[in-house]
Amino acid sequence: MDTTGTLDEALQRLHSAGPERLGRLTNHAPMAVEALAARGRQAAVHRWLDHYAPRLEEFPARLAPVTDADWPAALGDPRRAADWIDRFARELAERPWREVLALWWPRLLPGLYGGSTHPVIRVGHAVRTLLAGEPTAPRLTELAHGLGYWAARHRPVTGLVPLQGAARAADALDAVRPIGERDGGFPDRLARVGALPVWADGVTEPEEARRLLTELVRAATHRYATHGHGEETMLVHAATAPNAVLRALPALPGALWAPSLRAAWTASAAVTAMYAPDAPVAYAPPGSVTAEEVFERALAHGDEHVIKLTDTALDVGDAPALAAALRAIELSEPLR
């Protein structure tokens, strides 16, 4: 828990910026600074943000308030990002944040795949901070930004043909078939995902859903160590998206845990299908390096996806996860 006020200061700096830049690229700064603060690197937060700040864009223009009558029609309209953020800011000012999250989570969950899964990842970081400490104004505003971005980029995935899966998450990921044409951006590739293996589809009990979601995060993180070269940035989301869902579970009613597991599996498997390499590389053990040393290397590297994957790897906490973080550092371009 950050008790220095650094994270709140950083979030206040960021809330005058929009959730995206160049019309399609995500603003990763709120997620990265939360990860730095959560890992005890408060002293590096503003320095990192100063390096990232030239990538930020102004907060988008408002069109019209999102009302109780028209919110379904406004889902998935990126032009309404500011309107959606305003909507959630109002709701969070009127009711406890857990109530707002529980109301909107099932409405937003079917569209978890929009924005390259970044919106749900941003929400996961915001929820972790709220669960760890006081619901300060900047932290509640950050949740409003995350939920608003999710609503604006809401994109369902439907019509998937179920394929034979496996009992273990790692084996089910191995069973994912790559899409035929692996080119283009995330939306184009996602539209080509027509079939995915079945995994954990019969789960209904909340604690079993959490156990299996934890298994999925571990398997996807481990897999990056041998498959991350398929696309060093986008394959990060096969692990960080389900981990965002896992982080949100304690703030949600148990009845939402199993549906959340299914959505997280679809996201992880779809990203795997979209960016899978032709063949894995050999696993390289991390050696005697500690988790703290790996995070320091990620911070020195600076890339936002590297920081976020390393943050997830530390949640997993074993040697293959650290190897995945080191592989991301090796593959990715440093922040300049």
Protein backbone atom coordinates (compact mmCIF):
# COMPACT_ATOMS: atom_id res chain seq x y z
CA MET A 1 0.00 0.00 0.00
CA ASP A 2 1.33 3.42 -0.98
CA THR A 3 1.13 5.76 2.02
CA THR A 4 3.45 8.44 0.58
CA GLY A 5 0.85 10.16 -1.58
CA THR A 6 3.06 9.66 -4.63
CA LEU A 7 0.57 7.53 -6.51
CA ASP A 8 -2.24 10.00 -5.89
CA GLU A 9 -0.02 12.82 -7.17
CA ALA A 10 0.82 10.84 -10.31
CA LEU A 11 -2.82 9.97 -10.96
CA GLN A 12 -3.81 13.61 -10.60
CA ARG A 13 -1.17 14.49 -13.21
CA LEU A 14 -2.64 11.89 -15.54
CA HIS A 15 -6.33 12.61 -15.25
CA SER A 16 -6.08 15.64 -17.53
CA ALA A 17 -4.96 13.26 -20.29
CA GLY A 18 -7.12 10.96 -22.37
CA PRO A 19 -7.17 7.16 -22.26
CA GLU A 20 -5.65 6.93 -25.74
CA ARG A 21 -3.32 8.69 -28.15
CA LEU A 22 -3.15 8.85 -31.93
CA GLY A 23 -6.74 7.68 -32.02
CA ARG A 24 -6.00 4.04 -31.15
CA LEU A 25 -2.98 3.57 -28.87
CA THR A 26 -3.59 3.18 -25.16
CA ASN A 27 -2.28 5.51 -22.48
CA HIS A 28 -0.43 3.02 -20.28
CA ALA A 29 0.87 5.48 -17.71
CA PRO A 30 -1.83 4.99 -15.03
CA MET A 31 -1.23 1.23 -15.04
CA ALA A 32 2.54 1.51 -14.97
CA VAL A 33 2.70 4.05 -12.13
CA GLU A 34 0.29 1.95 -10.09
CA ALA A 35 2.55 -1.08 -10.59
CA LEU A 36 5.61 0.94 -9.52
CA ALA A 37 3.85 2.19 -6.39
CA ALA A 38 2.50 -1.27 -5.56
CA ARG A 39 6.05 -2.67 -5.75
CA GLY A 40 7.48 -0.01 -3.45
CA ARG A 41 9.17 2.10 -6.15
CA GLN A 42 7.45 5.38 -5.26
CA ALA A 43 10.71 7.28 -5.71
CA ALA A 44 10.75 6.32 -9.39
CA VAL A 45 7.11 7.14 -10.19
CA HIS A 46 7.44 10.78 -11.23
CA ARG A 47 10.77 10.21 -12.95
CA TRP A 48 9.22 7.45 -15.07
CA LEU A 49 6.16 9.59 -15.76
CA ASP A 50 8.33 12.49 -16.91
CA HIS A 51 9.82 10.18 -19.58
CA TYR A 52 6.40 8.93 -20.65
CA ALA A 53 4.60 12.30 -20.55
CA PRO A 54 5.38 13.35 -24.17
CA ARG A 55 3.17 10.48 -25.32
CA LEU A 56 0.08 11.80 -23.52
CA GLU A 57 -2.74 13.60 -25.28
CA GLU A 58 -5.37 16.02 -24.03
CA PHE A 59 -8.56 14.71 -22.45
CA PRO A 60 -11.06 14.10 -25.29
CA ALA A 61 -14.01 16.34 -26.06
CA ARG A 62 -17.40 15.66 -24.53
CA LEU A 63 -20.40 14.99 -26.76
CA ALA A 64 -23.41 14.42 -24.48
CA PRO A 65 -24.02 12.87 -21.05
CA VAL A 66 -24.51 9.10 -20.95
CA THR A 67 -27.98 8.61 -19.45
CA ASP A 68 -29.88 5.67 -17.98
CA ALA A 69 -31.93 5.57 -21.16
CA ASP A 70 -29.16 5.61 -23.77
CA TRP A 71 -26.17 3.89 -22.13
CA PRO A 72 -26.64 0.62 -24.08
CA ALA A 73 -26.42 2.52 -27.37
CA ALA A 74 -23.30 4.36 -26.17
CA LEU A 75 -21.39 1.14 -25.37
CA GLY A 76 -18.48 0.60 -27.71
CA ASP A 77 -18.45 4.15 -29.07
CA PRO A 78 -14.89 5.49 -28.60
CA ARG A 79 -16.09 9.01 -29.37
CA ARG A 80 -17.98 8.89 -26.05
CA ALA A 81 -14.96 8.17 -23.85
CA ALA A 82 -15.18 11.47 -21.97
CA ASP A 83 -18.94 11.08 -21.58
CA TRP A 84 -18.49 7.62 -20.11
CA ILE A 85 -15.75 8.78 -17.72
CA ASP A 86 -18.05 11.58 -16.55
CA ARG A 87 -20.84 9.06 -16.02
CA PHE A 88 -18.70 6.86 -13.79
CA ALA A 89 -17.30 9.86 -11.91
CA ARG A 90 -20.86 10.87 -11.03
CA GLU A 91 -21.82 7.35 -9.94
CA LEU A 92 -18.69 6.95 -7.81
CA ALA A 93 -19.45 10.26 -6.10
CA GLU A 94 -22.92 9.03 -5.19
CA ARG A 95 -22.35 5.40 -4.16
CA PRO A 96 -19.61 3.17 -2.72
CA TRP A 97 -17.16 2.12 -5.39
CA ARG A 98 -17.77 -1.60 -4.84
CA GLU A 99 -21.47 -1.12 -5.60
CA VAL A 100 -20.69 0.71 -8.83
CA LEU A 101 -18.20 -1.95 -9.85
CA ALA A 102 -20.63 -4.80 -9.09
CA LEU A 103 -23.38 -3.11 -11.10
CA TRP A 104 -21.29 -2.43 -14.19
CA TRP A 105 -18.94 -5.42 -14.24
CA PRO A 106 -21.49 -7.84 -15.78
CA ARG A 107 -22.55 -5.16 -18.25
CA LEU A 108 -18.97 -4.54 -19.38
CA LEU A 109 -17.59 -8.08 -19.13
CA PRO A 110 -18.87 -9.24 -22.56
CA GLY A 111 -16.87 -6.40 -24.14
CA LEU A 112 -13.61 -7.11 -22.30
CA TYR A 113 -11.81 -7.58 -25.64
CA GLY A 114 -12.05 -3.99 -26.85
CA GLY A 115 -9.08 -1.68 -26.66
CA SER A 116 -6.72 -4.68 -26.90
CA THR A 117 -7.92 -5.61 -23.35
CA HIS A 118 -6.24 -2.49 -21.93
CA PRO A 119 -9.43 -1.11 -20.34
CA VAL A 120 -9.96 -4.10 -18.07
CA ILE A 121 -6.25 -4.09 -17.23
CA ARG A 122 -6.53 -0.45 -16.19
CA VAL A 123 -9.55 -1.31 -14.05
CA GLY A 124 -7.63 -4.18 -12.44
CA HIS A 125 -4.83 -1.84 -11.41
CA ALA A 126 -7.32 0.69 -10.05
CA VAL A 127 -9.15 -1.96 -8.02
CA ARG A 128 -5.91 -3.30 -6.54
CA THR A 129 -5.10 0.15 -5.23
CA LEU A 130 -8.59 0.68 -3.80
CA LEU A 131 -8.50 -2.69 -2.06
CA ALA A 132 -5.10 -1.88 -0.54
CA GLY A 133 -5.88 1.49 1.00
CA GLU A 134 -8.15 4.46 1.39
CA PRO A 135 -10.51 5.35 -1.49
CA THR A 136 -8.96 8.75 -2.09
CA ALA A 137 -10.37 11.07 -4.74
CA PRO A 138 -7.58 10.39 -7.28
CA ARG A 139 -8.01 6.63 -6.87
CA LEU A 140 -11.77 6.82 -7.35
CA THR A 141 -11.25 9.06 -10.36
CA GLU A 142 -8.83 6.48 -11.76
CA LEU A 143 -11.52 3.81 -11.46
CA ALA A 144 -13.90 6.14 -13.31
CA HIS A 145 -11.36 6.56 -16.10
CA GLY A 146 -10.79 2.81 -16.35
CA LEU A 147 -14.47 1.93 -16.41
CA GLY A 148 -15.24 4.74 -18.83
CA TYR A 149 -12.50 3.59 -21.19
CA TRP A 150 -13.85 0.04 -20.99
CA ALA A 151 -17.37 1.19 -21.84
CA ALA A 152 -16.15 3.32 -24.74
CA ARG A 153 -14.07 0.49 -26.23
CA HIS A 154 -16.55 -2.26 -25.36
CA ARG A 155 -16.30 -5.03 -27.96
CA PRO A 156 -17.98 -8.43 -27.56
CA VAL A 157 -16.68 -11.64 -29.10
CA THR A 158 -19.45 -13.99 -30.22
CA GLY A 159 -19.97 -17.02 -32.40
CA LEU A 160 -16.82 -18.87 -31.37
CA VAL A 161 -16.75 -22.53 -32.35
CA PRO A 162 -15.75 -24.68 -29.34
CA LEU A 163 -12.74 -26.95 -29.94
CA GLN A 164 -11.50 -29.80 -27.81
CA GLY A 165 -9.58 -28.39 -24.89
CA ALA A 166 -7.67 -29.82 -21.96
CA ALA A 167 -7.90 -30.11 -18.20
CA ARG A 168 -4.92 -27.87 -17.45
CA ALA A 169 -4.70 -24.25 -18.49
CA ALA A 170 -1.21 -24.70 -19.93
CA ASP A 171 -2.36 -27.60 -22.10
CA ALA A 172 -5.43 -25.66 -23.21
CA LEU A 173 -3.22 -22.76 -24.32
CA ASP A 174 -1.07 -25.25 -26.21
CA ALA A 175 -4.24 -26.43 -27.99
CA VAL A 176 -5.07 -22.95 -29.30
CA ARG A 177 -4.88 -22.80 -33.09
CA PRO A 178 -3.18 -19.73 -34.56
CA ILE A 179 -5.31 -17.63 -36.88
CA GLY A 180 -4.59 -18.10 -40.58
CA GLU A 181 -3.45 -14.55 -41.35
CA ARG A 182 -1.30 -13.11 -38.58
CA ASP A 183 -1.07 -9.53 -39.78
CA GLY A 184 -2.82 -6.27 -39.04
CA GLY A 185 -3.77 -4.72 -35.74
CA PHE A 186 -5.61 -6.16 -32.77
CA PRO A 187 -9.18 -5.50 -34.06
CA ASP A 188 -8.42 -7.06 -37.44
CA ARG A 189 -6.85 -10.14 -35.90
CA LEU A 190 -9.58 -10.51 -33.29
CA ALA A 191 -12.18 -10.62 -36.07
CA ARG A 192 -10.38 -13.69 -37.48
CA VAL A 193 -10.60 -15.69 -34.24
CA GLY A 194 -13.43 -18.10 -34.98
CA ALA A 195 -12.71 -21.10 -32.75
CA LEU A 196 -11.05 -21.65 -29.38
CA PRO A 197 -10.51 -24.69 -27.16
CA VAL A 198 -12.94 -25.24 -24.32
CA TRP A 199 -11.47 -24.83 -20.85
CA ALA A 200 -13.11 -24.57 -17.42
CA ASP A 201 -16.50 -23.99 -19.03
CA GLY A 202 -18.47 -25.97 -16.42
CA VAL A 203 -17.22 -24.08 -13.36
CA THR A 204 -19.86 -22.42 -11.21
CA GLU A 205 -18.37 -22.35 -7.69
CA PRO A 206 -16.63 -19.03 -6.93
CA GLU A 207 -13.53 -20.38 -5.18
CA GLU A 208 -12.95 -22.91 -7.95
CA ALA A 209 -13.22 -20.08 -10.46
CA ARG A 210 -10.59 -18.11 -8.57
CA ARG A 211 -8.29 -21.14 -8.36
CA LEU A 212 -8.54 -21.77 -12.08
CA LEU A 213 -8.10 -18.11 -12.94
CA THR A 214 -4.92 -18.14 -10.87
CA GLU A 215 -3.81 -21.21 -12.82
CA LEU A 216 -4.52 -19.43 -16.11
CA VAL A 217 -2.47 -16.38 -15.13
CA ARG A 218 0.42 -18.65 -14.16
CA ALA A 219 0.24 -20.66 -17.38
CA ALA A 220 0.03 -17.59 -19.63
CA THR A 221 2.91 -15.90 -17.80
CA HIS A 222 5.08 -19.01 -18.04
CA ARG A 223 4.23 -19.35 -21.72
CA TYR A 224 5.64 -15.91 -22.50
CA ALA A 225 9.14 -17.18 -21.67
CA THR A 226 9.03 -19.55 -24.63
CA HIS A 227 6.49 -17.89 -26.96
CA GLY A 228 6.84 -14.14 -26.35
CA HIS A 229 8.85 -13.64 -29.52
CA GLY A 230 5.64 -14.16 -31.52
CA GLU A 231 4.88 -10.52 -30.66
CA GLU A 232 6.73 -9.22 -27.65
CA THR A 233 4.20 -6.51 -26.77
CA MET A 234 0.81 -7.99 -27.58
CA LEU A 235 1.45 -11.42 -26.06
CA VAL A 236 1.94 -9.70 -22.70
CA HIS A 237 -1.85 -9.30 -22.60
CA ALA A 238 -2.43 -13.05 -22.59
CA ALA A 239 -1.21 -12.87 -18.99
CA THR A 240 -1.98 -9.33 -17.83
CA ALA A 241 -5.64 -9.31 -18.93
CA PRO A 242 -6.64 -12.40 -16.90
CA ASN A 243 -4.53 -11.12 -14.00
CA ALA A 244 -6.50 -7.87 -14.05
CA VAL A 245 -9.70 -9.91 -13.74
CA LEU A 246 -8.15 -11.93 -10.92
CA ARG A 247 -7.23 -8.76 -9.05
CA ALA A 248 -10.80 -7.51 -9.30
CA LEU A 249 -12.46 -10.67 -7.94
CA PRO A 250 -12.20 -9.78 -4.21
CA ALA A 251 -14.22 -6.62 -4.87
CA LEU A 252 -16.96 -8.48 -6.79
CA PRO A 253 -19.86 -10.67 -5.67
CA GLY A 254 -19.05 -14.38 -5.87
CA ALA A 255 -21.74 -14.91 -8.50
CA LEU A 256 -19.61 -12.93 -10.96
CA TRP A 257 -16.42 -14.96 -10.50
CA ALA A 258 -17.23 -17.85 -12.85
CA PRO A 259 -18.38 -15.59 -15.73
CA SER A 260 -15.21 -13.57 -15.17
CA LEU A 261 -13.11 -16.72 -15.49
CA ARG A 262 -14.74 -17.56 -18.82
CA ALA A 263 -14.20 -14.07 -20.21
CA ALA A 264 -10.58 -14.08 -19.05
CA TRP A 265 -9.96 -17.44 -20.71
CA THR A 266 -11.42 -16.21 -23.98
CA ALA A 267 -9.18 -13.13 -23.85
CA SER A 268 -6.01 -15.07 -23.08
CA ALA A 269 -6.74 -17.75 -25.68
CA ALA A 270 -7.69 -15.21 -28.34
CA VAL A 271 -4.48 -13.22 -27.84
CA THR A 272 -2.56 -16.49 -28.05
CA ALA A 273 -4.27 -17.34 -31.35
CA MET A 274 -3.66 -13.87 -32.76
CA TYR A 275 0.04 -13.58 -32.02
CA ALA A 276 1.39 -17.13 -31.62
CA PRO A 277 4.86 -17.75 -33.08
CA ASP A 278 5.46 -20.60 -35.48
CA ALA A 279 7.53 -22.42 -32.86
CA PRO A 280 8.64 -21.87 -29.27
CA VAL A 281 12.19 -21.25 -28.14
CA ALA A 282 13.93 -23.25 -25.44
CA TYR A 283 13.16 -22.28 -21.86
CA ALA A 284 15.99 -20.30 -20.23
CA PRO A 285 15.99 -20.55 -16.41
CA PRO A 286 16.32 -17.19 -14.63
CA GLY A 287 19.28 -18.30 -12.53
CA SER A 288 19.80 -16.90 -9.05
CA VAL A 289 18.22 -13.52 -9.69
CA THR A 290 15.63 -12.40 -7.14
CA ALA A 291 12.17 -11.02 -7.81
CA GLU A 292 13.28 -7.59 -6.58
CA GLU A 293 16.24 -7.61 -8.95
CA VAL A 294 14.02 -8.54 -11.88
CA PHE A 295 11.67 -5.67 -11.10
CA GLU A 296 14.62 -3.28 -10.88
CA ARG A 297 15.70 -4.43 -14.34
CA ALA A 298 12.18 -3.85 -15.65
CA LEU A 299 12.15 -0.36 -14.15
CA ALA A 300 15.55 0.44 -15.66
CA HIS A 301 14.28 -0.79 -19.03
CA GLY A 302 11.22 1.41 -18.67
CA ASP A 303 8.84 -0.04 -21.26
CA GLU A 304 5.32 0.01 -19.88
CA HIS A 305 4.46 -3.50 -21.05
CA VAL A 306 7.65 -4.86 -19.53
CA ILE A 307 6.79 -3.23 -16.21
CA LYS A 308 3.25 -4.61 -16.26
CA LEU A 309 4.27 -8.14 -17.22
CA THR A 310 6.95 -8.12 -14.53
CA ASP A 311 4.33 -6.94 -12.04
CA THR A 312 2.19 -9.94 -13.01
CA ALA A 313 5.23 -12.24 -12.89
CA LEU A 314 5.84 -11.17 -9.30
CA ASP A 315 2.23 -12.05 -8.49
CA VAL A 316 2.91 -15.55 -9.87
CA GLY A 317 6.18 -15.60 -7.98
CA ASP A 318 8.06 -18.61 -9.34
CA ALA A 319 11.15 -19.11 -11.48
CA PRO A 320 9.36 -19.57 -14.84
CA ALA A 321 7.48 -16.33 -14.23
CA LEU A 322 10.73 -14.48 -13.56
CA ALA A 323 12.12 -16.03 -16.74
CA ALA A 324 9.13 -14.60 -18.62
CA ALA A 325 9.83 -11.12 -17.25
CA LEU A 326 13.49 -11.38 -18.24
CA ARG A 327 12.44 -12.51 -21.70
CA ALA A 328 10.21 -9.44 -22.05
CA ILE A 329 13.13 -7.21 -21.07
CA GLU A 330 15.27 -8.94 -23.69
CA LEU A 331 12.71 -8.71 -26.49
CA SER A 332 11.27 -5.23 -25.96
CA GLU A 333 12.50 -1.78 -26.92
CA PRO A 334 13.36 0.34 -23.85
CA LEU A 335 11.41 3.48 -23.07
CA ARG A 336 13.28 6.45 -24.50
